[in-house]
Amino acid sequence: MVLLFCNLKCYSQTTFEQTITTTIPAAVNITAYNQALSKGVINPTTGNLSSLSASFNIQTNGEDCDYSYVVQAKLNTKTGEANAYFRNSNRDYIVLGNVSSSNLPTLNAINNIKSSTPTSSSNGNAIAYPITNVLTNVQSATMQTNSSYGGLYYAVQMGDSKNGNFVQTFGNVPLTNTYSITNDRAGTYQAIVTFSAIRNP
C-alpha cells in the first residue's frame, strides 16, 4: 500500500475594495483682484475721495448661456438695506453710507440723493460718487434693472474669455449737493459690492 500525502491549500473568498476619487472644480471662481483698492479716505473739507474701487477676478470654464453674471451694490440705512446704485444725467453713481449705528442714513436721504436735484441738508450721512467700470477680458457690463436683484445692477458678459477682471472705480469728486461738512458725520462710509455667478436653469 502506498500512502500519498498531499498538502491541500484552501482559499476562502477574498475581497478588496478601492475607492476612486476625483474632483470637479467649480465652473466659476470669483475672487478679489486687488483687495488693497477697496479702502480709501474722504477729504473732510471737500468730500473728495482718494483712489477707491471694487475689483474682481472671474475664472470660468462655462459659457455665458450657463450663468448670469450679476454685480449688485447695497448700503445699510436706518430701516434696512437699500440699493446703492443709481443713474443721474446719464452717469452711473454709487452711494456710500455712514456705518455707525447712530449715524446710519435714512431711506429718505438715499432717495434724495437719487433724485435729479439732491439737497445736502436732506441727505445726511450718505455721499454719492461717480463710477466707471474697467473691463479686462470681459466683454461688457451694462446697467439694467430687475426687482429680483433689488433694482439697478450690472449684467456682465464674459464672452469667450475664461479669465477676466472687473474693476469698478470710484470718481474722486462727489456728486454736487451730496456731501456736506455740516450734515455728513465723521466715520466710516461704505457700500457693499457683490459679483455673483448665478447658474441658469
C-alpha atoms as a PDB file:
ATOM      1  CA  MET A   1       0.000   0.000   0.000  1.00  0.00           C
ATOM      2  CA  VAL A   2       1.308   3.323  -0.924  1.00  0.00           C
ATOM      3  CA  LEU A   3       0.067   6.359   1.002  1.00  0.00           C
ATOM      4  CA  LEU A   4       0.340   9.681  -0.672  1.00  0.00           C
ATOM      5  CA  PHE A   5       0.232  12.742   1.477  1.00  0.00           C
ATOM      6  CA  CYS A   6      -0.677  15.983  -0.184  1.00  0.00           C
ATOM      7  CA  ASN A   7      -0.821  19.432   1.286  1.00  0.00           C
ATOM      8  CA  LEU A   8      -4.125  20.941   0.293  1.00  0.00           C
ATOM      9  CA  LYS A   9      -4.419  24.693   0.259  1.00  0.00           C
ATOM     10  CA  CYS A  10      -7.849  26.112   0.821  1.00  0.00           C
ATOM     11  CA  TYR A  11      -8.677  29.630  -0.266  1.00  0.00           C
ATOM     12  CA  SER A  12     -11.583  31.379   1.291  1.00  0.00           C
ATOM     13  CA  GLN A  13     -13.304  34.197  -0.605  1.00  0.00           C
ATOM     14  CA  THR A  14     -11.334  37.442  -0.526  1.00  0.00           C
ATOM     15  CA  THR A  15     -12.449  40.951  -1.369  1.00  0.00           C
ATOM     16  CA  PHE A  16     -10.531  44.147  -1.897  1.00  0.00           C
ATOM     17  CA  GLU A  17     -12.410  47.384  -2.259  1.00  0.00           C
ATOM     18  CA  GLN A  18     -10.852  50.525  -3.664  1.00  0.00           C
ATOM     19  CA  THR A  19     -12.489  53.952  -3.695  1.00  0.00           C
ATOM     20  CA  ILE A  20     -11.745  56.025  -6.759  1.00  0.00           C
ATOM     21  CA  THR A  21     -11.948  59.765  -6.123  1.00  0.00           C
ATOM     22  CA  THR A  22     -11.735  62.734  -8.392  1.00  0.00           C
ATOM     23  CA  THR A  23     -12.726  66.364  -8.067  1.00  0.00           C
ATOM     24  CA  ILE A  24     -14.738  68.541 -10.391  1.00  0.00           C
ATOM     25  CA  PRO A  25     -13.567  72.135  -9.981  1.00  0.00           C
ATOM     26  CA  ALA A  26     -16.133  74.900  -9.774  1.00  0.00           C
ATOM     27  CA  ALA A  27     -17.200  76.106 -13.190  1.00  0.00           C
ATOM     28  CA  VAL A  28     -16.833  79.684 -11.971  1.00  0.00           C
ATOM     29  CA  ASN A  29     -14.428  81.109  -9.421  1.00  0.00           C
ATOM     30  CA  ILE A  30     -14.683  84.747  -8.286  1.00  0.00           C
ATOM     31  CA  THR A  31     -12.003  86.343  -6.126  1.00  0.00           C
ATOM     32  CA  ALA A  32     -10.760  89.809  -5.233  1.00  0.00           C
ATOM     33  CA  TYR A  33      -8.492  91.202  -7.935  1.00  0.00           C
ATOM     34  CA  ASN A  34      -6.801  93.766  -5.681  1.00  0.00           C
ATOM     35  CA  GLN A  35      -8.144  93.944  -2.130  1.00  0.00           C
ATOM     36  CA  ALA A  36      -5.995  96.980  -1.345  1.00  0.00           C
ATOM     37  CA  LEU A  37      -8.090  99.059  -3.742  1.00  0.00           C
ATOM     38  CA  SER A  38     -11.194  98.675  -1.563  1.00  0.00           C
ATOM     39  CA  LYS A  39     -10.138 101.212   1.083  1.00  0.00           C
ATOM     40  CA  GLY A  40      -9.827 104.959   0.668  1.00  0.00           C
ATOM     41  CA  VAL A  41     -10.020 108.261   2.508  1.00  0.00           C
ATOM     42  CA  ILE A  42     -12.561 111.103   2.192  1.00  0.00           C
ATOM     43  CA  ASN A  43     -11.269 114.660   2.474  1.00  0.00           C
ATOM     44  CA  PRO A  44     -13.371 116.206   5.284  1.00  0.00           C
ATOM     45  CA  THR A  45     -13.325 119.657   3.689  1.00  0.00           C
ATOM     46  CA  THR A  46     -14.258 118.819   0.100  1.00  0.00           C
ATOM     47  CA  GLY A  47     -15.650 115.306   0.289  1.00  0.00           C
ATOM     48  CA  ASN A  48     -13.152 114.265  -2.378  1.00  0.00           C
ATOM     49  CA  LEU A  49     -12.316 110.570  -2.304  1.00  0.00           C
ATOM     50  CA  SER A  50      -8.890 109.014  -2.683  1.00  0.00           C
ATOM     51  CA  SER A  51      -8.469 106.168  -5.175  1.00  0.00           C
ATOM     52  CA  LEU A  52     -11.056 103.504  -4.447  1.00  0.00           C
ATOM     53  CA  SER A  53     -12.511 100.600  -6.382  1.00  0.00           C
ATOM     54  CA  ALA A  54     -14.248  97.259  -6.119  1.00  0.00           C
ATOM     55  CA  SER A  55     -12.275  94.700  -8.102  1.00  0.00           C
ATOM     56  CA  PHE A  56     -12.983  91.101  -9.057  1.00  0.00           C
ATOM     57  CA  ASN A  57     -11.231  88.335 -10.963  1.00  0.00           C
ATOM     58  CA  ILE A  58     -13.554  85.903 -12.742  1.00  0.00           C
ATOM     59  CA  GLN A  59     -12.404  82.491 -13.937  1.00  0.00           C
ATOM     60  CA  THR A  60     -14.842  80.233 -15.732  1.00  0.00           C
ATOM     61  CA  ASN A  61     -14.911  77.078 -17.824  1.00  0.00           C
ATOM     62  CA  GLY A  62     -18.564  77.634 -18.625  1.00  0.00           C
ATOM     63  CA  GLU A  63     -20.355  79.615 -21.270  1.00  0.00           C
ATOM     64  CA  ASP A  64     -22.358  82.828 -20.915  1.00  0.00           C
ATOM     65  CA  CYS A  65     -25.522  80.812 -21.543  1.00  0.00           C
ATOM     66  CA  ASP A  66     -24.759  78.704 -18.454  1.00  0.00           C
ATOM     67  CA  TYR A  67     -24.522  81.595 -15.996  1.00  0.00           C
ATOM     68  CA  SER A  68     -25.858  85.072 -15.365  1.00  0.00           C
ATOM     69  CA  TYR A  69     -23.095  87.324 -14.067  1.00  0.00           C
ATOM     70  CA  VAL A  70     -24.550  89.993 -11.803  1.00  0.00           C
ATOM     71  CA  VAL A  71     -22.944  92.898  -9.929  1.00  0.00           C
ATOM     72  CA  GLN A  72     -25.036  94.445  -7.145  1.00  0.00           C
ATOM     73  CA  ALA A  73     -24.381  97.168  -4.572  1.00  0.00           C
ATOM     74  CA  LYS A  74     -26.143  97.852  -1.295  1.00  0.00           C
ATOM     75  CA  LEU A  75     -25.782 100.004   1.792  1.00  0.00           C
ATOM     76  CA  ASN A  76     -27.409  99.998   5.203  1.00  0.00           C
ATOM     77  CA  THR A  77     -29.996 102.563   6.252  1.00  0.00           C
ATOM     78  CA  LYS A  78     -31.923 103.062   9.481  1.00  0.00           C
ATOM     79  CA  THR A  79     -34.730 100.902   8.095  1.00  0.00           C
ATOM     80  CA  GLY A  80     -32.738  98.200   6.280  1.00  0.00           C
ATOM     81  CA  GLU A  81     -30.719  97.732   3.122  1.00  0.00           C
ATOM     82  CA  ALA A  82     -31.006  99.957   0.064  1.00  0.00           C
ATOM     83  CA  ASN A  83     -29.688  99.640  -3.473  1.00  0.00           C
ATOM     84  CA  ALA A  84     -26.535 101.766  -3.697  1.00  0.00           C
ATOM     85  CA  TYR A  85     -26.578 102.207  -7.495  1.00  0.00           C
ATOM     86  CA  PHE A  86     -28.351 104.956  -9.385  1.00  0.00           C
ATOM     87  CA  ARG A  87     -28.098 106.978 -12.568  1.00  0.00           C
ATOM     88  CA  ASN A  88     -28.062 110.763 -12.860  1.00  0.00           C
ATOM     89  CA  SER A  89     -27.696 112.672 -16.149  1.00  0.00           C
ATOM     90  CA  ASN A  90     -26.510 109.534 -17.958  1.00  0.00           C
ATOM     91  CA  ARG A  91     -23.784 108.872 -15.374  1.00  0.00           C
ATOM     92  CA  ASP A  92     -23.656 105.888 -13.076  1.00  0.00           C
ATOM     93  CA  TYR A  93     -23.209 106.529  -9.358  1.00  0.00           C
ATOM     94  CA  ILE A  94     -22.855 104.637  -6.113  1.00  0.00           C
ATOM     95  CA  VAL A  95     -23.926 105.842  -2.669  1.00  0.00           C
ATOM     96  CA  LEU A  96     -21.678 105.335   0.351  1.00  0.00           C
ATOM     97  CA  GLY A  97     -23.390 105.419   3.740  1.00  0.00           C
ATOM     98  CA  ASN A  98     -22.145 106.010   7.264  1.00  0.00           C
ATOM     99  CA  VAL A  99     -21.926 102.645   9.042  1.00  0.00           C
ATOM    100  CA  SER A 100     -22.223 103.879  12.642  1.00  0.00           C
ATOM    101  CA  SER A 101     -25.479 102.643  14.162  1.00  0.00           C
ATOM    102  CA  SER A 102     -26.189 106.143  15.455  1.00  0.00           C
ATOM    103  CA  ASN A 103     -25.397 107.791  12.088  1.00  0.00           C
ATOM    104  CA  LEU A 104     -26.943 105.442   9.555  1.00  0.00           C
ATOM    105  CA  PRO A 105     -28.577 107.387   6.718  1.00  0.00           C
ATOM    106  CA  THR A 106     -32.338 107.299   6.340  1.00  0.00           C
ATOM    107  CA  LEU A 107     -34.017 105.825   3.287  1.00  0.00           C
ATOM    108  CA  ASN A 108     -35.322 109.339   2.550  1.00  0.00           C
ATOM    109  CA  ALA A 109     -31.723 110.565   2.430  1.00  0.00           C
ATOM    110  CA  ILE A 110     -30.851 107.877  -0.125  1.00  0.00           C
ATOM    111  CA  ASN A 111     -33.907 108.727  -2.207  1.00  0.00           C
ATOM    112  CA  ASN A 112     -32.982 112.413  -2.077  1.00  0.00           C
ATOM    113  CA  ILE A 113     -29.507 111.645  -3.416  1.00  0.00           C
ATOM    114  CA  LYS A 114     -31.029 109.584  -6.220  1.00  0.00           C
ATOM    115  CA  SER A 115     -33.393 112.391  -7.217  1.00  0.00           C
ATOM    116  CA  SER A 116     -32.445 114.725 -10.047  1.00  0.00           C
ATOM    117  CA  THR A 117     -31.942 117.613  -7.588  1.00  0.00           C
ATOM    118  CA  PRO A 118     -30.338 116.408  -4.344  1.00  0.00           C
ATOM    119  CA  THR A 119     -30.015 118.842  -1.445  1.00  0.00           C
ATOM    120  CA  SER A 120     -27.242 118.323   1.095  1.00  0.00           C
ATOM    121  CA  SER A 121     -29.484 119.230   4.032  1.00  0.00           C
ATOM    122  CA  SER A 122     -31.763 116.297   3.138  1.00  0.00           C
ATOM    123  CA  ASN A 123     -29.214 113.538   2.598  1.00  0.00           C
ATOM    124  CA  GLY A 124     -27.038 113.483   5.702  1.00  0.00           C
ATOM    125  CA  ASN A 125     -24.594 110.607   6.236  1.00  0.00           C
ATOM    126  CA  ALA A 126     -24.744 109.483   2.608  1.00  0.00           C
ATOM    127  CA  ILE A 127     -22.461 110.581  -0.248  1.00  0.00           C
ATOM    128  CA  ALA A 128     -22.608 109.731  -3.957  1.00  0.00           C
ATOM    129  CA  TYR A 129     -19.624 109.192  -6.242  1.00  0.00           C
ATOM    130  CA  PRO A 130     -19.486 108.527  -9.991  1.00  0.00           C
ATOM    131  CA  ILE A 131     -18.350 105.069 -11.048  1.00  0.00           C
ATOM    132  CA  THR A 132     -16.638 103.702 -14.126  1.00  0.00           C
ATOM    133  CA  ASN A 133     -16.249 100.030 -14.955  1.00  0.00           C
ATOM    134  CA  VAL A 134     -12.838  98.969 -16.241  1.00  0.00           C
ATOM    135  CA  LEU A 135     -13.047  95.604 -18.021  1.00  0.00           C
ATOM    136  CA  THR A 136     -10.125  93.310 -18.833  1.00  0.00           C
ATOM    137  CA  ASN A 137     -11.013  90.214 -20.872  1.00  0.00           C
ATOM    138  CA  VAL A 138     -14.659  90.891 -20.071  1.00  0.00           C
ATOM    139  CA  GLN A 139     -17.000  91.603 -22.969  1.00  0.00           C
ATOM    140  CA  SER A 140     -19.400  94.083 -21.356  1.00  0.00           C
ATOM    141  CA  ALA A 141     -21.070  95.371 -18.178  1.00  0.00           C
ATOM    142  CA  THR A 142     -24.450  97.022 -18.674  1.00  0.00           C
ATOM    143  CA  MET A 143     -26.603  98.680 -16.031  1.00  0.00           C
ATOM    144  CA  GLN A 144     -30.058  97.127 -16.020  1.00  0.00           C
ATOM    145  CA  THR A 145     -32.977  96.899 -13.622  1.00  0.00           C
ATOM    146  CA  ASN A 146     -34.575  93.797 -12.163  1.00  0.00           C
ATOM    147  CA  SER A 147     -36.577  93.569  -8.941  1.00  0.00           C
ATOM    148  CA  SER A 148     -35.061  90.134  -8.287  1.00  0.00           C
ATOM    149  CA  TYR A 149     -31.694  91.860  -7.900  1.00  0.00           C
ATOM    150  CA  GLY A 150     -33.023  94.761  -5.862  1.00  0.00           C
ATOM    151  CA  GLY A 151     -33.436  97.164  -8.777  1.00  0.00           C
ATOM    152  CA  LEU A 152     -30.404  98.513 -10.617  1.00  0.00           C
ATOM    153  CA  TYR A 153     -27.485  96.149 -11.187  1.00  0.00           C
ATOM    154  CA  TYR A 154     -24.815  95.394 -13.790  1.00  0.00           C
ATOM    155  CA  ALA A 155     -25.281  92.480 -16.167  1.00  0.00           C
ATOM    156  CA  VAL A 156     -21.821  91.225 -17.144  1.00  0.00           C
ATOM    157  CA  GLN A 157     -20.984  89.245 -20.270  1.00  0.00           C
ATOM    158  CA  MET A 158     -17.730  87.266 -20.290  1.00  0.00           C
ATOM    159  CA  GLY A 159     -17.923  86.428 -23.994  1.00  0.00           C
ATOM    160  CA  ASP A 160     -15.239  83.926 -24.972  1.00  0.00           C
ATOM    161  CA  SER A 161     -12.996  84.831 -22.038  1.00  0.00           C
ATOM    162  CA  LYS A 162     -12.217  82.238 -19.383  1.00  0.00           C
ATOM    163  CA  ASN A 163     -10.296  84.661 -17.158  1.00  0.00           C
ATOM    164  CA  GLY A 164     -11.151  88.334 -16.770  1.00  0.00           C
ATOM    165  CA  ASN A 165     -11.124  91.273 -14.383  1.00  0.00           C
ATOM    166  CA  PHE A 166     -13.978  93.599 -13.478  1.00  0.00           C
ATOM    167  CA  VAL A 167     -12.861  96.767 -11.686  1.00  0.00           C
ATOM    168  CA  GLN A 168     -15.406  99.376 -10.620  1.00  0.00           C
ATOM    169  CA  THR A 169     -13.521 102.607  -9.993  1.00  0.00           C
ATOM    170  CA  PHE A 170     -14.967 105.433  -7.933  1.00  0.00           C
ATOM    171  CA  GLY A 171     -14.543 109.014  -9.077  1.00  0.00           C
ATOM    172  CA  ASN A 172     -12.786 111.389  -6.691  1.00  0.00           C
ATOM    173  CA  VAL A 173     -15.352 114.214  -6.668  1.00  0.00           C
ATOM    174  CA  PRO A 174     -18.762 113.614  -5.052  1.00  0.00           C
ATOM    175  CA  LEU A 175     -21.999 114.394  -6.837  1.00  0.00           C
ATOM    176  CA  THR A 176     -22.931 118.022  -6.168  1.00  0.00           C
ATOM    177  CA  ASN A 177     -25.036 118.527  -3.024  1.00  0.00           C
ATOM    178  CA  THR A 178     -24.430 115.008  -1.707  1.00  0.00           C
ATOM    179  CA  TYR A 179     -21.505 115.915   0.554  1.00  0.00           C
ATOM    180  CA  SER A 180     -21.837 118.376   3.402  1.00  0.00           C
ATOM    181  CA  ILE A 181     -19.220 119.128   6.040  1.00  0.00           C
ATOM    182  CA  THR A 182     -22.140 120.022   8.316  1.00  0.00           C
ATOM    183  CA  ASN A 183     -24.573 117.175   7.678  1.00  0.00           C
ATOM    184  CA  ASP A 184     -22.262 114.202   6.991  1.00  0.00           C
ATOM    185  CA  ARG A 185     -20.872 112.951  10.288  1.00  0.00           C
ATOM    186  CA  ALA A 186     -17.288 111.743  10.609  1.00  0.00           C
ATOM    187  CA  GLY A 187     -16.799 107.991  10.425  1.00  0.00           C
ATOM    188  CA  THR A 188     -16.597 105.093   8.018  1.00  0.00           C
ATOM    189  CA  TYR A 189     -18.699 105.237   4.842  1.00  0.00           C
ATOM    190  CA  GLN A 190     -19.253 102.151   2.761  1.00  0.00           C
ATOM    191  CA  ALA A 191     -21.220 100.247   0.170  1.00  0.00           C
ATOM    192  CA  ILE A 192     -21.050  96.515  -0.361  1.00  0.00           C
ATOM    193  CA  VAL A 193     -20.452  95.468  -3.977  1.00  0.00           C
ATOM    194  CA  THR A 194     -21.174  91.823  -4.826  1.00  0.00           C
ATOM    195  CA  PHE A 195     -20.249  89.926  -8.004  1.00  0.00           C
ATOM    196  CA  SER A 196     -22.351  86.765  -8.397  1.00  0.00           C
ATOM    197  CA  ALA A 197     -22.419  83.943 -10.929  1.00  0.00           C
ATOM    198  CA  ILE A 198     -25.955  82.594 -10.963  1.00  0.00           C
ATOM    199  CA  ARG A 199     -26.468  79.213 -12.619  1.00  0.00           C
ATOM    200  CA  ASN A 200     -29.151  79.388 -15.284  1.00  0.00           C
ATOM    201  CA  PRO A 201     -31.890  76.729 -15.317  1.00  0.00           C
END
